[in-house]
């Protein structure tokens, strides 16, 4: 973990580039897993909210119907952000 703290900015930039590549070419479930991993690995992973908005902007639906929300991934990213913070606190205390 000292490696991540020492080179935090370089690793965050590399993780952001990897996430952009995943958003462009990976299936949705792999993107969600990468968001969770980033939330656990980094202190406060605000980027997950930006990535949720980016996915909605690129692949968003028309917003018709009950479950065809135009901001579906943003609504997924917000709880992931807070869940990752809570998981990180729990993992550090033990």
C-alpha atoms as a PDB file:
ATOM      1  CA  UNK A   1       0.000   0.000   0.000  1.00  0.00           C
ATOM      2  CA  UNK A   2       2.979   2.345   0.438  1.00  0.00           C
ATOM      3  CA  UNK A   3       3.592   2.065  -3.291  1.00  0.00           C
ATOM      4  CA  UNK A   4       0.096   3.373  -3.996  1.00  0.00           C
ATOM      5  CA  UNK A   5       0.533   6.287  -1.580  1.00  0.00           C
ATOM      6  CA  UNK A   6       3.960   7.224  -2.975  1.00  0.00           C
ATOM      7  CA  UNK A   7       2.948   7.228  -6.619  1.00  0.00           C
ATOM      8  CA  UNK A   8      -0.702   8.099  -6.081  1.00  0.00           C
ATOM      9  CA  UNK A   9      -1.072  10.716  -8.800  1.00  0.00           C
ATOM     10  CA  UNK A  10       0.649   8.624 -11.470  1.00  0.00           C
ATOM     11  CA  UNK A  11      -1.415   5.583 -10.587  1.00  0.00           C
ATOM     12  CA  UNK A  12      -4.638   7.626 -10.562  1.00  0.00           C
ATOM     13  CA  UNK A  13      -3.855   8.953 -14.027  1.00  0.00           C
ATOM     14  CA  UNK A  14      -3.072   5.441 -15.270  1.00  0.00           C
ATOM     15  CA  UNK A  15      -6.292   4.165 -13.681  1.00  0.00           C
ATOM     16  CA  UNK A  16      -8.258   6.951 -15.380  1.00  0.00           C
ATOM     17  CA  UNK A  17      -6.769   6.075 -18.769  1.00  0.00           C
ATOM     18  CA  UNK A  18      -7.556   2.408 -18.154  1.00  0.00           C
ATOM     19  CA  UNK A  19     -11.108   3.315 -17.161  1.00  0.00           C
ATOM     20  CA  UNK A  20     -11.539   5.380 -20.343  1.00  0.00           C
ATOM     21  CA  UNK A  21     -10.399   2.366 -22.364  1.00  0.00           C
ATOM     22  CA  UNK A  22     -12.844   0.149 -20.455  1.00  0.00           C
ATOM     23  CA  UNK A  23     -15.672   2.609 -21.088  1.00  0.00           C
ATOM     24  CA  UNK A  24     -14.877   2.557 -24.800  1.00  0.00           C
ATOM     25  CA  UNK A  25     -14.471  -1.200 -25.295  1.00  0.00           C
ATOM     26  CA  UNK A  26     -15.433  -3.295 -22.243  1.00  0.00           C
ATOM     27  CA  UNK A  27     -18.815  -4.689 -21.204  1.00  0.00           C
ATOM     28  CA  UNK A  28     -20.791  -2.865 -18.515  1.00  0.00           C
ATOM     29  CA  UNK A  29     -20.088  -5.407 -15.755  1.00  0.00           C
ATOM     30  CA  UNK A  30     -16.317  -5.056 -16.163  1.00  0.00           C
ATOM     31  CA  UNK A  31     -16.635  -1.273 -15.909  1.00  0.00           C
ATOM     32  CA  UNK A  32     -18.637  -1.621 -12.668  1.00  0.00           C
ATOM     33  CA  UNK A  33     -16.000  -3.984 -11.224  1.00  0.00           C
ATOM     34  CA  UNK A  34     -13.245  -1.522 -12.148  1.00  0.00           C
ATOM     35  CA  UNK A  35     -15.191   1.280 -10.459  1.00  0.00           C
ATOM     36  CA  UNK A  36     -15.475  -0.780  -7.279  1.00  0.00           C
ATOM     37  CA  UNK A  37     -11.772  -1.686  -7.387  1.00  0.00           C
ATOM     38  CA  UNK A  38     -10.816   1.963  -7.858  1.00  0.00           C
ATOM     39  CA  UNK A  39     -13.023   2.982  -4.954  1.00  0.00           C
ATOM     40  CA  UNK A  40     -11.305   0.482  -2.694  1.00  0.00           C
ATOM     41  CA  UNK A  41      -7.737   1.158  -3.890  1.00  0.00           C
ATOM     42  CA  UNK A  42      -7.790   4.963  -3.767  1.00  0.00           C
ATOM     43  CA  UNK A  43      -8.601   7.182  -0.796  1.00  0.00           C
ATOM     44  CA  UNK A  44     -11.565   9.084  -2.236  1.00  0.00           C
ATOM     45  CA  UNK A  45     -12.302   8.055  -5.798  1.00  0.00           C
ATOM     46  CA  UNK A  46     -14.319  11.004  -7.104  1.00  0.00           C
ATOM     47  CA  UNK A  47     -13.582   9.911 -10.642  1.00  0.00           C
ATOM     48  CA  UNK A  48     -16.240   7.224 -10.406  1.00  0.00           C
ATOM     49  CA  UNK A  49     -18.913   9.925 -10.536  1.00  0.00           C
ATOM     50  CA  UNK A  50     -17.357  11.451 -13.644  1.00  0.00           C
ATOM     51  CA  UNK A  51     -17.140   8.036 -15.291  1.00  0.00           C
ATOM     52  CA  UNK A  52     -20.822   7.419 -14.556  1.00  0.00           C
ATOM     53  CA  UNK A  53     -21.729  10.660 -16.304  1.00  0.00           C
ATOM     54  CA  UNK A  54     -19.433   9.774 -19.222  1.00  0.00           C
ATOM     55  CA  UNK A  55     -21.053   6.366 -19.689  1.00  0.00           C
ATOM     56  CA  UNK A  56     -24.496   7.963 -19.666  1.00  0.00           C
ATOM     57  CA  UNK A  57     -23.391  10.557 -22.200  1.00  0.00           C
ATOM     58  CA  UNK A  58     -21.981   7.919 -24.527  1.00  0.00           C
ATOM     59  CA  UNK A  59     -24.452   5.060 -24.132  1.00  0.00           C
ATOM     60  CA  UNK A  60     -27.498   6.665 -22.516  1.00  0.00           C
ATOM     61  CA  UNK A  61     -30.960   5.614 -23.611  1.00  0.00           C
ATOM     62  CA  UNK A  62     -33.744   7.899 -24.726  1.00  0.00           C
ATOM     63  CA  UNK A  63     -35.265   8.018 -21.243  1.00  0.00           C
ATOM     64  CA  UNK A  64     -38.586   6.417 -22.130  1.00  0.00           C
ATOM     65  CA  UNK A  65     -40.234   3.965 -19.767  1.00  0.00           C
ATOM     66  CA  UNK A  66     -39.619   3.247 -16.108  1.00  0.00           C
ATOM     67  CA  UNK A  67     -36.210   1.559 -16.249  1.00  0.00           C
ATOM     68  CA  UNK A  68     -34.786   3.242 -19.341  1.00  0.00           C
ATOM     69  CA  UNK A  69     -33.370   6.145 -17.395  1.00  0.00           C
ATOM     70  CA  UNK A  70     -31.022   8.444 -19.216  1.00  0.00           C
ATOM     71  CA  UNK A  71     -28.840   8.753 -16.108  1.00  0.00           C
ATOM     72  CA  UNK A  72     -28.788   5.066 -15.180  1.00  0.00           C
ATOM     73  CA  UNK A  73     -25.019   4.719 -14.708  1.00  0.00           C
ATOM     74  CA  UNK A  74     -24.732   7.973 -12.829  1.00  0.00           C
ATOM     75  CA  UNK A  75     -27.347   6.651 -10.407  1.00  0.00           C
ATOM     76  CA  UNK A  76     -25.274   3.474 -10.078  1.00  0.00           C
ATOM     77  CA  UNK A  77     -22.018   5.416  -9.582  1.00  0.00           C
ATOM     78  CA  UNK A  78     -23.296   7.525  -6.679  1.00  0.00           C
ATOM     79  CA  UNK A  79     -24.034   4.581  -4.345  1.00  0.00           C
ATOM     80  CA  UNK A  80     -20.822   2.858  -5.488  1.00  0.00           C
ATOM     81  CA  UNK A  81     -18.915   5.934  -4.386  1.00  0.00           C
ATOM     82  CA  UNK A  82     -20.365   5.843  -0.876  1.00  0.00           C
ATOM     83  CA  UNK A  83     -20.198   2.038  -0.596  1.00  0.00           C
ATOM     84  CA  UNK A  84     -16.512   2.123  -1.513  1.00  0.00           C
ATOM     85  CA  UNK A  85     -15.853   4.739   1.183  1.00  0.00           C
ATOM     86  CA  UNK A  86     -17.639   2.617   3.798  1.00  0.00           C
ATOM     87  CA  UNK A  87     -15.875  -0.577   2.686  1.00  0.00           C
ATOM     88  CA  UNK A  88     -12.532   1.161   2.807  1.00  0.00           C
ATOM     89  CA  UNK A  89     -13.144   2.334   6.377  1.00  0.00           C
ATOM     90  CA  UNK A  90     -14.188  -1.164   7.454  1.00  0.00           C
ATOM     91  CA  UNK A  91     -11.194  -2.801   5.796  1.00  0.00           C
ATOM     92  CA  UNK A  92      -8.753  -0.383   7.425  1.00  0.00           C
ATOM     93  CA  UNK A  93     -10.051  -0.901  10.961  1.00  0.00           C
ATOM     94  CA  UNK A  94      -9.469  -4.660  10.922  1.00  0.00           C
END
